[in-house]
Amino acid sequence: MSATDHVGPRLLIVDDDEIILKAVSRLLGAFGYRVVTALGGEAALAMLSLDCAFDLVIFDYEMPVLDGPAFFRLATARHPELRGRFVLATGNGESSGARDLLREGLRAVLGKPYASADVARLVTAR
């Protein structure tokens, strides 16, 4: 099967750690997800300006330059059609910042590390 034969959900994973991006891409790709990665919020915004056909956008909370909350707010302002598809990945899901984003339209918070089953529940819970 070639890369173009994949019909699974398309995910954008945004993190400032290349090792995490590679590991998550490998893990989720093995389960049939079409995974695109962006190293940081700025790169993700640039990518979304070219292509925003994603079923979910999973992003890290703590990133340099453009942190998760700023990325989420800018991305949803520029691409309102993606509202409800953003998922925050964090080790501190109980933070007030995460709760604020949920009130602003964030779909869910995933605790780090997360598993493919966690992502599957979010993809199917449309």
N, C-alpha and C. Protein backbone atom coordinates (compact mmCIF):
# COMPACT_ATOMS: atom_id res chain seq x y z
N MET A 1 0.85 -1.18 0.00
CA MET A 1 0.00 0.00 0.00
C MET A 1 0.89 1.24 0.00
N SER A 2 0.62 2.16 -0.88
CA SER A 2 1.41 3.40 -0.94
C SER A 2 0.83 4.44 0.00
N ALA A 3 1.57 5.50 0.22
CA ALA A 3 1.11 6.57 1.11
C ALA A 3 -0.18 7.19 0.61
N THR A 4 -0.40 7.19 -0.68
CA THR A 4 -1.62 7.80 -1.21
C THR A 4 -2.84 6.89 -1.05
N ASP A 5 -2.61 5.60 -0.70
CA ASP A 5 -3.71 4.68 -0.50
C ASP A 5 -4.35 4.80 0.88
N HIS A 6 -3.69 5.48 1.80
CA HIS A 6 -4.22 5.61 3.15
C HIS A 6 -5.50 6.43 3.14
N VAL A 7 -6.50 5.93 3.83
CA VAL A 7 -7.76 6.65 3.90
C VAL A 7 -8.13 6.98 5.34
N GLY A 8 -7.23 6.73 6.27
CA GLY A 8 -7.51 7.00 7.67
C GLY A 8 -7.59 8.48 7.95
N PRO A 9 -8.04 8.81 9.15
CA PRO A 9 -8.13 10.22 9.55
C PRO A 9 -6.78 10.93 9.43
N ARG A 10 -6.84 12.18 9.07
CA ARG A 10 -5.64 12.99 8.87
C ARG A 10 -5.41 13.86 10.10
N LEU A 11 -4.23 13.76 10.67
CA LEU A 11 -3.90 14.47 11.91
C LEU A 11 -2.72 15.39 11.70
N LEU A 12 -2.79 16.57 12.32
CA LEU A 12 -1.64 17.46 12.40
C LEU A 12 -1.17 17.42 13.85
N ILE A 13 0.09 17.05 14.05
CA ILE A 13 0.67 17.00 15.38
C ILE A 13 1.66 18.15 15.49
N VAL A 14 1.49 18.98 16.51
CA VAL A 14 2.33 20.17 16.69
C VAL A 14 3.04 20.07 18.04
N ASP A 15 4.36 20.08 17.99
CA ASP A 15 5.17 19.99 19.20
C ASP A 15 6.51 20.65 18.91
N ASP A 16 7.21 21.04 19.96
CA ASP A 16 8.52 21.65 19.77
C ASP A 16 9.65 20.65 19.94
N ASP A 17 9.31 19.37 20.12
CA ASP A 17 10.30 18.33 20.33
C ASP A 17 10.26 17.35 19.16
N GLU A 18 11.33 17.33 18.37
CA GLU A 18 11.39 16.46 17.19
C GLU A 18 11.27 14.99 17.54
N ILE A 19 11.82 14.59 18.66
CA ILE A 19 11.76 13.19 19.08
C ILE A 19 10.31 12.79 19.33
N ILE A 20 9.57 13.65 19.99
CA ILE A 20 8.15 13.37 20.24
C ILE A 20 7.39 13.31 18.93
N LEU A 21 7.65 14.24 18.03
CA LEU A 21 6.96 14.24 16.73
C LEU A 21 7.22 12.94 15.97
N LYS A 22 8.46 12.48 15.96
CA LYS A 22 8.79 11.24 15.25
C LYS A 22 8.12 10.04 15.89
N ALA A 23 8.15 9.97 17.22
CA ALA A 23 7.56 8.83 17.92
C ALA A 23 6.04 8.79 17.73
N VAL A 24 5.38 9.93 17.88
CA VAL A 24 3.93 9.98 17.72
C VAL A 24 3.54 9.69 16.27
N SER A 25 4.30 10.20 15.33
CA SER A 25 4.02 9.96 13.92
C SER A 25 4.11 8.47 13.61
N ARG A 26 5.15 7.83 14.11
CA ARG A 26 5.33 6.38 13.89
C ARG A 26 4.19 5.60 14.54
N LEU A 27 3.88 5.92 15.79
CA LEU A 27 2.83 5.21 16.53
C LEU A 27 1.49 5.35 15.84
N LEU A 28 1.08 6.57 15.55
CA LEU A 28 -0.24 6.79 14.96
C LEU A 28 -0.30 6.33 13.51
N GLY A 29 0.81 6.46 12.79
CA GLY A 29 0.86 5.97 11.42
C GLY A 29 0.66 4.47 11.35
N ALA A 30 1.18 3.75 12.34
CA ALA A 30 1.01 2.30 12.38
C ALA A 30 -0.44 1.90 12.58
N PHE A 31 -1.25 2.80 13.09
CA PHE A 31 -2.67 2.52 13.31
C PHE A 31 -3.55 3.09 12.20
N GLY A 32 -2.94 3.50 11.10
CA GLY A 32 -3.71 3.93 9.94
C GLY A 32 -3.99 5.41 9.84
N TYR A 33 -3.47 6.20 10.78
CA TYR A 33 -3.66 7.64 10.69
C TYR A 33 -2.69 8.22 9.68
N ARG A 34 -3.14 9.23 8.96
CA ARG A 34 -2.25 9.99 8.07
C ARG A 34 -1.74 11.16 8.90
N VAL A 35 -0.49 11.11 9.26
CA VAL A 35 0.08 12.07 10.22
C VAL A 35 0.98 13.07 9.51
N VAL A 36 0.71 14.34 9.80
CA VAL A 36 1.56 15.44 9.36
C VAL A 36 2.07 16.10 10.64
N THR A 37 3.35 16.45 10.67
CA THR A 37 3.90 17.07 11.88
C THR A 37 4.39 18.48 11.59
N ALA A 38 4.38 19.28 12.64
CA ALA A 38 4.90 20.65 12.56
C ALA A 38 5.74 20.89 13.81
N LEU A 39 6.95 21.36 13.60
CA LEU A 39 7.86 21.64 14.71
C LEU A 39 7.59 23.06 15.23
N GLY A 40 6.66 23.16 16.14
CA GLY A 40 6.31 24.43 16.76
C GLY A 40 5.08 25.09 16.17
N GLY A 41 4.55 26.03 16.94
CA GLY A 41 3.32 26.73 16.56
C GLY A 41 3.43 27.56 15.30
N GLU A 42 4.57 28.23 15.11
CA GLU A 42 4.73 29.05 13.90
C GLU A 42 4.72 28.19 12.64
N ALA A 43 5.41 27.05 12.68
CA ALA A 43 5.44 26.15 11.53
C ALA A 43 4.04 25.59 11.26
N ALA A 44 3.30 25.31 12.31
CA ALA A 44 1.94 24.79 12.15
C ALA A 44 1.02 25.83 11.52
N LEU A 45 1.13 27.07 11.95
CA LEU A 45 0.31 28.13 11.34
C LEU A 45 0.62 28.27 9.86
N ALA A 46 1.90 28.22 9.51
CA ALA A 46 2.29 28.32 8.10
C ALA A 46 1.71 27.14 7.32
N MET A 47 1.76 25.96 7.90
CA MET A 47 1.24 24.77 7.24
C MET A 47 -0.28 24.88 7.04
N LEU A 48 -0.97 25.35 8.06
CA LEU A 48 -2.43 25.49 7.96
C LEU A 48 -2.83 26.51 6.91
N SER A 49 -1.98 27.49 6.66
CA SER A 49 -2.33 28.48 5.63
C SER A 49 -2.28 27.86 4.24
N LEU A 50 -1.55 26.75 4.09
CA LEU A 50 -1.47 26.07 2.80
C LEU A 50 -2.45 24.91 2.70
N ASP A 51 -2.75 24.28 3.83
CA ASP A 51 -3.58 23.08 3.83
C ASP A 51 -4.19 22.91 5.21
N CYS A 52 -5.50 23.01 5.29
CA CYS A 52 -6.13 22.86 6.60
C CYS A 52 -7.14 21.71 6.62
N ALA A 53 -6.92 20.70 5.79
CA ALA A 53 -7.82 19.54 5.74
C ALA A 53 -7.39 18.48 6.75
N PHE A 54 -7.60 18.78 8.02
CA PHE A 54 -7.23 17.85 9.09
C PHE A 54 -8.45 17.48 9.91
N ASP A 55 -8.50 16.22 10.31
CA ASP A 55 -9.59 15.75 11.17
C ASP A 55 -9.35 16.18 12.61
N LEU A 56 -8.08 16.20 13.03
CA LEU A 56 -7.70 16.68 14.35
C LEU A 56 -6.37 17.39 14.27
N VAL A 57 -6.22 18.41 15.12
CA VAL A 57 -4.95 19.10 15.29
C VAL A 57 -4.58 18.93 16.76
N ILE A 58 -3.56 18.14 17.01
CA ILE A 58 -3.12 17.87 18.38
C ILE A 58 -1.87 18.70 18.63
N PHE A 59 -1.93 19.57 19.63
CA PHE A 59 -0.82 20.49 19.86
C PHE A 59 -0.37 20.49 21.31
N ASP A 60 0.90 20.78 21.50
CA ASP A 60 1.52 20.86 22.81
C ASP A 60 1.19 22.19 23.47
N TYR A 61 1.12 22.20 24.78
CA TYR A 61 0.83 23.43 25.51
C TYR A 61 2.06 24.33 25.59
N GLU A 62 3.17 23.75 26.00
CA GLU A 62 4.38 24.56 26.22
C GLU A 62 5.31 24.45 25.02
N MET A 63 5.38 25.53 24.26
CA MET A 63 6.30 25.62 23.12
C MET A 63 6.91 27.01 23.13
N PRO A 64 8.19 27.11 22.73
CA PRO A 64 8.80 28.44 22.69
C PRO A 64 8.25 29.26 21.53
N VAL A 65 8.44 30.53 21.57
CA VAL A 65 8.04 31.51 20.57
C VAL A 65 6.52 31.64 20.52
N LEU A 66 5.83 30.62 20.05
CA LEU A 66 4.36 30.64 19.96
C LEU A 66 3.86 29.44 20.75
N ASP A 67 3.39 29.70 21.98
CA ASP A 67 2.96 28.58 22.82
C ASP A 67 1.62 28.02 22.37
N GLY A 68 1.20 26.93 22.98
CA GLY A 68 -0.04 26.26 22.59
C GLY A 68 -1.27 27.14 22.61
N PRO A 69 -1.54 27.86 23.70
CA PRO A 69 -2.72 28.72 23.72
C PRO A 69 -2.70 29.78 22.61
N ALA A 70 -1.55 30.41 22.37
CA ALA A 70 -1.47 31.42 21.31
C ALA A 70 -1.68 30.78 19.94
N PHE A 71 -1.07 29.60 19.73
CA PHE A 71 -1.28 28.89 18.47
C PHE A 71 -2.75 28.57 18.26
N PHE A 72 -3.41 28.03 19.29
CA PHE A 72 -4.82 27.68 19.19
C PHE A 72 -5.67 28.90 18.83
N ARG A 73 -5.45 30.00 19.52
CA ARG A 73 -6.25 31.20 19.27
C ARG A 73 -6.04 31.77 17.87
N LEU A 74 -4.79 31.82 17.44
CA LEU A 74 -4.50 32.32 16.08
C LEU A 74 -5.05 31.38 15.01
N ALA A 75 -4.85 30.09 15.21
CA ALA A 75 -5.29 29.11 14.21
C ALA A 75 -6.81 29.10 14.07
N THR A 76 -7.53 29.16 15.18
CA THR A 76 -8.99 29.13 15.09
C THR A 76 -9.54 30.46 14.56
N ALA A 77 -8.83 31.55 14.80
CA ALA A 77 -9.26 32.84 14.24
C ALA A 77 -9.07 32.85 12.72
N ARG A 78 -7.95 32.29 12.26
CA ARG A 78 -7.66 32.27 10.82
C ARG A 78 -8.41 31.16 10.08
N HIS A 79 -8.75 30.10 10.79
CA HIS A 79 -9.39 28.92 10.16
C HIS A 79 -10.59 28.47 10.99
N PRO A 80 -11.64 29.27 11.01
CA PRO A 80 -12.80 28.92 11.85
C PRO A 80 -13.44 27.59 11.46
N GLU A 81 -13.20 27.13 10.24
CA GLU A 81 -13.75 25.84 9.82
C GLU A 81 -13.13 24.67 10.60
N LEU A 82 -12.02 24.91 11.27
CA LEU A 82 -11.38 23.88 12.07
C LEU A 82 -11.83 23.87 13.53
N ARG A 83 -12.68 24.81 13.90
CA ARG A 83 -13.15 24.84 15.29
C ARG A 83 -13.70 23.49 15.68
N GLY A 84 -13.40 23.07 16.87
CA GLY A 84 -13.85 21.78 17.35
C GLY A 84 -12.94 20.62 16.99
N ARG A 85 -11.84 20.91 16.29
CA ARG A 85 -10.91 19.85 15.90
C ARG A 85 -9.57 19.94 16.62
N PHE A 86 -9.43 20.90 17.52
CA PHE A 86 -8.16 21.10 18.21
C PHE A 86 -8.15 20.36 19.54
N VAL A 87 -7.04 19.66 19.78
CA VAL A 87 -6.86 18.87 20.99
C VAL A 87 -5.53 19.27 21.61
N LEU A 88 -5.56 19.60 22.87
CA LEU A 88 -4.36 19.98 23.60
C LEU A 88 -3.71 18.75 24.21
N ALA A 89 -2.42 18.58 24.00
CA ALA A 89 -1.64 17.51 24.62
C ALA A 89 -0.76 18.13 25.69
N THR A 90 -0.95 17.70 26.92
CA THR A 90 -0.21 18.31 28.01
C THR A 90 -0.05 17.34 29.17
N GLY A 91 0.96 17.58 29.96
CA GLY A 91 1.14 16.80 31.18
C GLY A 91 0.36 17.39 32.34
N ASN A 92 -0.27 18.54 32.12
CA ASN A 92 -1.01 19.22 33.20
C ASN A 92 -2.38 19.65 32.69
N GLY A 93 -3.25 18.68 32.44
CA GLY A 93 -4.58 18.96 31.90
C GLY A 93 -5.52 19.67 32.85
N GLU A 94 -5.14 19.73 34.12
CA GLU A 94 -6.00 20.38 35.10
C GLU A 94 -5.66 21.86 35.28
N SER A 95 -4.75 22.37 34.46
CA SER A 95 -4.34 23.77 34.62
C SER A 95 -5.47 24.71 34.22
N SER A 96 -5.41 25.91 34.75
CA SER A 96 -6.43 26.90 34.41
C SER A 96 -6.33 27.28 32.93
N GLY A 97 -5.13 27.22 32.37
CA GLY A 97 -4.96 27.52 30.95
C GLY A 97 -5.70 26.52 30.07
N ALA A 98 -5.64 25.26 30.43
CA ALA A 98 -6.37 24.22 29.67
C ALA A 98 -7.87 24.43 29.82
N ARG A 99 -8.32 24.74 31.01
CA ARG A 99 -9.76 24.99 31.22
C ARG A 99 -10.23 26.20 30.42
N ASP A 100 -9.40 27.24 30.34
CA ASP A 100 -9.75 28.41 29.53
C ASP A 100 -9.93 28.03 28.07
N LEU A 101 -9.01 27.21 27.55
CA LEU A 101 -9.10 26.81 26.15
C LEU A 101 -10.33 25.95 25.89
N LEU A 102 -10.70 25.13 26.84
CA LEU A 102 -11.93 24.33 26.68
C LEU A 102 -13.14 25.25 26.56
N ARG A 103 -13.16 26.32 27.33
CA ARG A 103 -14.27 27.29 27.24
C ARG A 103 -14.26 28.03 25.91
N GLU A 104 -13.08 28.10 25.27
CA GLU A 104 -12.93 28.81 23.99
C GLU A 104 -13.14 27.90 22.78
N GLY A 105 -13.51 26.66 23.00
CA GLY A 105 -13.81 25.79 21.87
C GLY A 105 -12.84 24.64 21.63
N LEU A 106 -11.87 24.48 22.52
CA LEU A 106 -10.97 23.34 22.42
C LEU A 106 -11.79 22.06 22.53
N ARG A 107 -11.51 21.08 21.70
CA ARG A 107 -12.29 19.84 21.69
C ARG A 107 -12.03 18.98 22.93
N ALA A 108 -10.75 18.84 23.29
CA ALA A 108 -10.41 17.97 24.42
C ALA A 108 -8.98 18.22 24.86
N VAL A 109 -8.66 17.65 26.01
CA VAL A 109 -7.29 17.67 26.53
C VAL A 109 -6.83 16.22 26.63
N LEU A 110 -5.69 15.93 26.03
CA LEU A 110 -5.07 14.61 26.12
C LEU A 110 -3.91 14.70 27.09
N GLY A 111 -3.88 13.79 28.06
CA GLY A 111 -2.73 13.73 28.95
C GLY A 111 -1.55 13.10 28.24
N LYS A 112 -0.39 13.64 28.48
CA LYS A 112 0.83 13.08 27.89
C LYS A 112 1.41 12.06 28.85
N PRO A 113 1.89 10.94 28.40
CA PRO A 113 1.85 10.48 27.01
C PRO A 113 0.47 9.94 26.67
N TYR A 114 0.08 10.06 25.44
CA TYR A 114 -1.22 9.54 25.02
C TYR A 114 -1.03 8.36 24.10
N ALA A 115 -2.08 7.57 23.96
CA ALA A 115 -2.03 6.36 23.15
C ALA A 115 -2.92 6.50 21.93
N SER A 116 -2.74 5.62 20.97
CA SER A 116 -3.56 5.66 19.76
C SER A 116 -5.04 5.49 20.09
N ALA A 117 -5.36 4.73 21.14
CA ALA A 117 -6.77 4.54 21.53
C ALA A 117 -7.39 5.86 21.98
N ASP A 118 -6.59 6.72 22.64
CA ASP A 118 -7.09 8.03 23.05
C ASP A 118 -7.44 8.87 21.83
N VAL A 119 -6.59 8.83 20.82
CA VAL A 119 -6.83 9.58 19.59
C VAL A 119 -8.04 9.00 18.85
N ALA A 120 -8.14 7.68 18.81
CA ALA A 120 -9.27 7.03 18.12
C ALA A 120 -10.60 7.47 18.71
N ARG A 121 -10.67 7.57 20.04
CA ARG A 121 -11.92 8.03 20.68
C ARG A 121 -12.28 9.44 20.24
N LEU A 122 -11.28 10.31 20.10
CA LEU A 122 -11.56 11.68 19.70
C LEU A 122 -11.96 11.77 18.23
N VAL A 123 -11.35 10.97 17.39
CA VAL A 123 -11.68 10.99 15.96
C VAL A 123 -13.11 10.49 15.75
N THR A 124 -13.51 9.45 16.46
CA THR A 124 -14.83 8.87 16.25
C THR A 124 -15.93 9.60 17.01
N ALA A 125 -15.57 10.48 17.93
CA ALA A 125 -16.57 11.18 18.75
C ALA A 125 -17.03 12.47 18.12
N ARG A 126 -17.06 12.54 16.83
CA ARG A 126 -17.44 13.76 16.14
C ARG A 126 -18.82 14.11 16.48
